[in-house]
Amino acid sequence: MNIRLIALAGVVACAIALPLAVASAGPVGDQDPEAVRPSRQPDAKAPSPEPVDAPGLLGLGLATAARCGPELTSPDGIEAQTCVMTQGEDTWARTYYRNASGDALDSVLSLMGPGGRTMQMRCAIGADDEPATCETPREGTRGDLGAYTAVAEFASRAGEGPLLLRSGSNSGAPAGG
């Protein structure tokens, strides 16, 4: 008779413990997205989730190519690097800058393309000494990508005073070889 009581007590304990375990786990679909999940090693035989024959993709989307000139610093405390950016069929100009001059500045970023095409973007540069960027709008790439260049010019506000820095996407390396 003791064995039956022990078995019955085990069934009762399971009957009580199981609903408590389910209740503490919460309803299905109510999972915390930030919860740490155990990692699983990928099956070497399983197909890759990334397309194999898409050369412009690097995991999460289209790759972005940047052709940048040197990082420059002016005696006035302006640092800049200017690039021609390409993603898929789009091309645009971007300049990375930091203004440690203590004064608000104006900047003009120009993207020059094949056939004499030019696009300009004016950017107000704050005096906050924080790294930032300025970009032209993206446009469809026309012709040879190597024919695109970008130039950023930094000057005092309202055109008062001299040009403080000019940064270009060219590397400054001599052509030919």
C-alpha atoms as a PDB file:
ATOM      1  CA  MET A   1       0.000   0.000   0.000  1.00  0.00           C
ATOM      2  CA  ASN A   2       2.928   2.375   0.617  1.00  0.00           C
ATOM      3  CA  ILE A   3       4.041   1.997  -2.988  1.00  0.00           C
ATOM      4  CA  ARG A   4       0.603   3.067  -4.195  1.00  0.00           C
ATOM      5  CA  LEU A   5       0.664   6.134  -1.936  1.00  0.00           C
ATOM      6  CA  ILE A   6       4.127   7.111  -3.184  1.00  0.00           C
ATOM      7  CA  ALA A   7       3.031   6.666  -6.813  1.00  0.00           C
ATOM      8  CA  LEU A   8      -0.158   8.668  -6.176  1.00  0.00           C
ATOM      9  CA  ALA A   9       1.862  11.413  -4.451  1.00  0.00           C
ATOM     10  CA  GLY A  10       4.181  11.555  -7.501  1.00  0.00           C
ATOM     11  CA  VAL A  11       1.222  11.925  -9.869  1.00  0.00           C
ATOM     12  CA  VAL A  12      -0.257  14.693  -7.681  1.00  0.00           C
ATOM     13  CA  ALA A  13       3.112  16.477  -7.566  1.00  0.00           C
ATOM     14  CA  CYS A  14       3.399  16.319 -11.355  1.00  0.00           C
ATOM     15  CA  ALA A  15      -0.187  17.504 -11.731  1.00  0.00           C
ATOM     16  CA  ILE A  16       0.628  20.555  -9.597  1.00  0.00           C
ATOM     17  CA  ALA A  17       4.145  21.228 -10.974  1.00  0.00           C
ATOM     18  CA  LEU A  18       3.242  21.028 -14.679  1.00  0.00           C
ATOM     19  CA  PRO A  19       0.662  23.872 -14.659  1.00  0.00           C
ATOM     20  CA  LEU A  20       3.046  26.001 -12.593  1.00  0.00           C
ATOM     21  CA  ALA A  21       5.850  25.446 -15.122  1.00  0.00           C
ATOM     22  CA  VAL A  22       3.551  26.357 -18.026  1.00  0.00           C
ATOM     23  CA  ALA A  23       2.283  29.446 -16.207  1.00  0.00           C
ATOM     24  CA  SER A  24       5.798  30.679 -15.464  1.00  0.00           C
ATOM     25  CA  ALA A  25       6.824  30.221 -19.110  1.00  0.00           C
ATOM     26  CA  GLY A  26       4.016  32.534 -20.232  1.00  0.00           C
ATOM     27  CA  PRO A  27       1.741  32.224 -23.226  1.00  0.00           C
ATOM     28  CA  VAL A  28       3.093  31.212 -26.625  1.00  0.00           C
ATOM     29  CA  GLY A  29       4.142  34.233 -28.712  1.00  0.00           C
ATOM     30  CA  ASP A  30       4.731  36.432 -25.657  1.00  0.00           C
ATOM     31  CA  GLN A  31       8.494  36.062 -25.821  1.00  0.00           C
ATOM     32  CA  ASP A  32      10.955  38.790 -24.988  1.00  0.00           C
ATOM     33  CA  PRO A  33      12.827  39.638 -28.231  1.00  0.00           C
ATOM     34  CA  GLU A  34      15.842  40.720 -26.154  1.00  0.00           C
ATOM     35  CA  ALA A  35      16.068  37.347 -24.383  1.00  0.00           C
ATOM     36  CA  VAL A  36      19.313  35.467 -24.844  1.00  0.00           C
ATOM     37  CA  ARG A  37      18.798  32.352 -26.903  1.00  0.00           C
ATOM     38  CA  PRO A  38      21.253  29.478 -27.056  1.00  0.00           C
ATOM     39  CA  SER A  39      23.228  29.527 -30.271  1.00  0.00           C
ATOM     40  CA  ARG A  40      23.113  26.580 -32.608  1.00  0.00           C
ATOM     41  CA  GLN A  41      25.924  25.591 -34.858  1.00  0.00           C
ATOM     42  CA  PRO A  42      24.799  25.750 -38.501  1.00  0.00           C
ATOM     43  CA  ASP A  43      24.457  22.459 -40.313  1.00  0.00           C
ATOM     44  CA  ALA A  44      27.252  22.240 -42.875  1.00  0.00           C
ATOM     45  CA  LYS A  45      24.884  20.431 -45.263  1.00  0.00           C
ATOM     46  CA  ALA A  46      22.126  23.046 -44.996  1.00  0.00           C
ATOM     47  CA  PRO A  47      21.905  25.645 -47.788  1.00  0.00           C
ATOM     48  CA  SER A  48      23.117  29.130 -46.977  1.00  0.00           C
ATOM     49  CA  PRO A  49      20.318  31.664 -46.291  1.00  0.00           C
ATOM     50  CA  GLU A  50      22.211  34.264 -48.368  1.00  0.00           C
ATOM     51  CA  PRO A  51      21.997  34.296 -52.166  1.00  0.00           C
ATOM     52  CA  VAL A  52      25.108  32.779 -53.709  1.00  0.00           C
ATOM     53  CA  ASP A  53      24.948  34.446 -57.120  1.00  0.00           C
ATOM     54  CA  ALA A  54      24.339  38.051 -55.960  1.00  0.00           C
ATOM     55  CA  PRO A  55      27.786  39.729 -55.951  1.00  0.00           C
ATOM     56  CA  GLY A  56      26.421  43.101 -54.724  1.00  0.00           C
ATOM     57  CA  LEU A  57      25.100  41.621 -51.492  1.00  0.00           C
ATOM     58  CA  LEU A  58      27.082  41.414 -48.275  1.00  0.00           C
ATOM     59  CA  GLY A  59      24.690  39.681 -45.906  1.00  0.00           C
ATOM     60  CA  LEU A  60      22.110  42.359 -45.102  1.00  0.00           C
ATOM     61  CA  GLY A  61      21.656  44.185 -48.394  1.00  0.00           C
ATOM     62  CA  LEU A  62      23.461  45.945 -51.184  1.00  0.00           C
ATOM     63  CA  ALA A  63      27.100  46.713 -50.511  1.00  0.00           C
ATOM     64  CA  THR A  64      28.179  50.357 -50.503  1.00  0.00           C
ATOM     65  CA  ALA A  65      31.498  51.241 -52.136  1.00  0.00           C
ATOM     66  CA  ALA A  66      33.393  54.379 -51.145  1.00  0.00           C
ATOM     67  CA  ARG A  67      36.214  56.057 -53.077  1.00  0.00           C
ATOM     68  CA  CYS A  68      37.683  58.611 -50.671  1.00  0.00           C
ATOM     69  CA  GLY A  69      40.398  61.180 -50.733  1.00  0.00           C
ATOM     70  CA  PRO A  70      42.825  61.787 -47.871  1.00  0.00           C
ATOM     71  CA  GLU A  71      41.786  62.982 -44.423  1.00  0.00           C
ATOM     72  CA  LEU A  72      42.713  66.669 -44.235  1.00  0.00           C
ATOM     73  CA  THR A  73      43.018  69.134 -41.347  1.00  0.00           C
ATOM     74  CA  SER A  74      43.192  72.904 -41.693  1.00  0.00           C
ATOM     75  CA  PRO A  75      45.172  75.169 -39.335  1.00  0.00           C
ATOM     76  CA  ASP A  76      41.773  76.588 -38.297  1.00  0.00           C
ATOM     77  CA  GLY A  77      40.676  73.220 -36.828  1.00  0.00           C
ATOM     78  CA  ILE A  78      38.462  71.798 -39.572  1.00  0.00           C
ATOM     79  CA  GLU A  79      38.934  68.123 -40.400  1.00  0.00           C
ATOM     80  CA  ALA A  80      37.347  66.517 -43.467  1.00  0.00           C
ATOM     81  CA  GLN A  81      37.407  63.541 -45.785  1.00  0.00           C
ATOM     82  CA  THR A  82      35.302  63.486 -48.944  1.00  0.00           C
ATOM     83  CA  CYS A  83      34.097  60.401 -50.814  1.00  0.00           C
ATOM     84  CA  VAL A  84      32.169  59.286 -53.879  1.00  0.00           C
ATOM     85  CA  MET A  85      29.708  56.636 -52.663  1.00  0.00           C
ATOM     86  CA  THR A  86      28.077  53.932 -54.800  1.00  0.00           C
ATOM     87  CA  GLN A  87      25.359  51.464 -53.891  1.00  0.00           C
ATOM     88  CA  GLY A  88      23.673  49.393 -56.564  1.00  0.00           C
ATOM     89  CA  GLU A  89      22.820  51.804 -59.386  1.00  0.00           C
ATOM     90  CA  ASP A  90      23.081  54.966 -57.204  1.00  0.00           C
ATOM     91  CA  THR A  91      26.001  57.364 -56.775  1.00  0.00           C
ATOM     92  CA  TRP A  92      26.336  60.313 -54.385  1.00  0.00           C
ATOM     93  CA  ALA A  93      28.942  62.390 -52.538  1.00  0.00           C
ATOM     94  CA  ARG A  94      29.566  62.359 -48.795  1.00  0.00           C
ATOM     95  CA  THR A  95      31.957  64.350 -46.653  1.00  0.00           C
ATOM     96  CA  TYR A  96      32.865  63.377 -43.115  1.00  0.00           C
ATOM     97  CA  TYR A  97      33.883  66.405 -41.073  1.00  0.00           C
ATOM     98  CA  ARG A  98      34.604  67.804 -37.633  1.00  0.00           C
ATOM     99  CA  ASN A  99      34.590  71.524 -36.902  1.00  0.00           C
ATOM    100  CA  ALA A 100      36.879  72.412 -33.996  1.00  0.00           C
ATOM    101  CA  SER A 101      37.214  76.063 -35.116  1.00  0.00           C
ATOM    102  CA  GLY A 102      34.643  77.291 -32.592  1.00  0.00           C
ATOM    103  CA  ASP A 103      32.671  79.086 -35.328  1.00  0.00           C
ATOM    104  CA  ALA A 104      29.644  78.013 -37.350  1.00  0.00           C
ATOM    105  CA  LEU A 105      30.602  77.484 -40.998  1.00  0.00           C
ATOM    106  CA  ASP A 106      29.071  76.948 -44.420  1.00  0.00           C
ATOM    107  CA  SER A 107      30.022  74.069 -46.654  1.00  0.00           C
ATOM    108  CA  VAL A 108      29.304  73.265 -50.281  1.00  0.00           C
ATOM    109  CA  LEU A 109      29.588  69.638 -51.340  1.00  0.00           C
ATOM    110  CA  SER A 110      29.777  69.054 -55.100  1.00  0.00           C
ATOM    111  CA  LEU A 111      29.421  65.790 -57.015  1.00  0.00           C
ATOM    112  CA  MET A 112      30.806  66.011 -60.541  1.00  0.00           C
ATOM    113  CA  GLY A 113      29.923  63.263 -62.990  1.00  0.00           C
ATOM    114  CA  PRO A 114      30.466  62.310 -66.611  1.00  0.00           C
ATOM    115  CA  GLY A 115      29.384  64.781 -69.275  1.00  0.00           C
ATOM    116  CA  GLY A 116      29.919  67.857 -67.104  1.00  0.00           C
ATOM    117  CA  ARG A 117      27.018  67.010 -64.758  1.00  0.00           C
ATOM    118  CA  THR A 118      27.337  68.637 -61.317  1.00  0.00           C
ATOM    119  CA  MET A 119      25.158  68.419 -58.224  1.00  0.00           C
ATOM    120  CA  GLN A 120      25.715  70.679 -55.206  1.00  0.00           C
ATOM    121  CA  MET A 121      24.527  70.506 -51.618  1.00  0.00           C
ATOM    122  CA  ARG A 122      24.891  73.340 -49.101  1.00  0.00           C
ATOM    123  CA  CYS A 123      25.382  72.287 -45.487  1.00  0.00           C
ATOM    124  CA  ALA A 124      25.344  74.469 -42.378  1.00  0.00           C
ATOM    125  CA  ILE A 125      28.183  73.339 -40.123  1.00  0.00           C
ATOM    126  CA  GLY A 126      27.617  73.879 -36.402  1.00  0.00           C
ATOM    127  CA  ALA A 127      30.304  75.001 -33.966  1.00  0.00           C
ATOM    128  CA  ASP A 128      29.768  71.978 -31.705  1.00  0.00           C
ATOM    129  CA  ASP A 129      33.049  70.104 -32.440  1.00  0.00           C
ATOM    130  CA  GLU A 130      31.211  66.795 -33.078  1.00  0.00           C
ATOM    131  CA  PRO A 131      31.939  64.493 -36.045  1.00  0.00           C
ATOM    132  CA  ALA A 132      29.178  64.714 -38.696  1.00  0.00           C
ATOM    133  CA  THR A 133      28.453  64.147 -42.388  1.00  0.00           C
ATOM    134  CA  CYS A 134      26.981  66.023 -45.327  1.00  0.00           C
ATOM    135  CA  GLU A 135      25.647  64.221 -48.430  1.00  0.00           C
ATOM    136  CA  THR A 136      24.286  65.060 -51.844  1.00  0.00           C
ATOM    137  CA  PRO A 137      21.094  63.309 -52.931  1.00  0.00           C
ATOM    138  CA  ARG A 138      21.585  59.940 -54.619  1.00  0.00           C
ATOM    139  CA  GLU A 139      21.298  59.788 -58.378  1.00  0.00           C
ATOM    140  CA  GLY A 140      21.391  57.004 -60.914  1.00  0.00           C
ATOM    141  CA  THR A 141      24.955  56.204 -61.985  1.00  0.00           C
ATOM    142  CA  ARG A 142      25.616  57.287 -65.570  1.00  0.00           C
ATOM    143  CA  GLY A 143      28.639  56.111 -67.454  1.00  0.00           C
ATOM    144  CA  ASP A 144      31.960  55.180 -65.890  1.00  0.00           C
ATOM    145  CA  LEU A 145      32.015  55.267 -62.089  1.00  0.00           C
ATOM    146  CA  GLY A 146      35.654  56.403 -62.203  1.00  0.00           C
ATOM    147  CA  ALA A 147      34.524  59.634 -63.880  1.00  0.00           C
ATOM    148  CA  TYR A 148      32.779  60.791 -60.670  1.00  0.00           C
ATOM    149  CA  THR A 149      34.577  63.098 -58.239  1.00  0.00           C
ATOM    150  CA  ALA A 150      33.465  64.979 -55.146  1.00  0.00           C
ATOM    151  CA  VAL A 151      34.741  68.194 -53.520  1.00  0.00           C
ATOM    152  CA  ALA A 152      33.738  69.811 -50.220  1.00  0.00           C
ATOM    153  CA  GLU A 153      34.618  73.428 -49.447  1.00  0.00           C
ATOM    154  CA  PHE A 154      34.372  74.924 -45.957  1.00  0.00           C
ATOM    155  CA  ALA A 155      34.175  78.696 -45.379  1.00  0.00           C
ATOM    156  CA  SER A 156      32.952  81.215 -42.814  1.00  0.00           C
ATOM    157  CA  ARG A 157      29.190  81.807 -42.699  1.00  0.00           C
ATOM    158  CA  ALA A 158      27.614  84.058 -45.334  1.00  0.00           C
ATOM    159  CA  GLY A 159      30.767  83.974 -47.457  1.00  0.00           C
ATOM    160  CA  GLU A 160      32.615  86.296 -45.092  1.00  0.00           C
ATOM    161  CA  GLY A 161      36.273  85.452 -44.993  1.00  0.00           C
ATOM    162  CA  PRO A 162      38.542  83.064 -46.864  1.00  0.00           C
ATOM    163  CA  LEU A 163      38.079  79.456 -47.869  1.00  0.00           C
ATOM    164  CA  LEU A 164      39.156  77.412 -44.834  1.00  0.00           C
ATOM    165  CA  LEU A 165      39.438  73.907 -46.296  1.00  0.00           C
ATOM    166  CA  ARG A 166      38.871  72.097 -49.583  1.00  0.00           C
ATOM    167  CA  SER A 167      38.603  68.297 -49.452  1.00  0.00           C
ATOM    168  CA  GLY A 168      38.312  66.064 -52.519  1.00  0.00           C
ATOM    169  CA  SER A 169      37.615  62.432 -53.329  1.00  0.00           C
ATOM    170  CA  ASN A 170      40.792  62.109 -55.378  1.00  0.00           C
ATOM    171  CA  SER A 171      43.665  60.331 -53.674  1.00  0.00           C
ATOM    172  CA  GLY A 172      46.336  62.739 -54.786  1.00  0.00           C
ATOM    173  CA  ALA A 173      48.324  59.788 -56.150  1.00  0.00           C
ATOM    174  CA  PRO A 174      49.954  60.399 -59.534  1.00  0.00           C
ATOM    175  CA  ALA A 175      48.142  58.849 -62.502  1.00  0.00           C
ATOM    176  CA  GLY A 176      49.878  56.271 -64.659  1.00  0.00           C
ATOM    177  CA  GLY A 177      52.537  53.950 -63.578  1.00  0.00           C
END
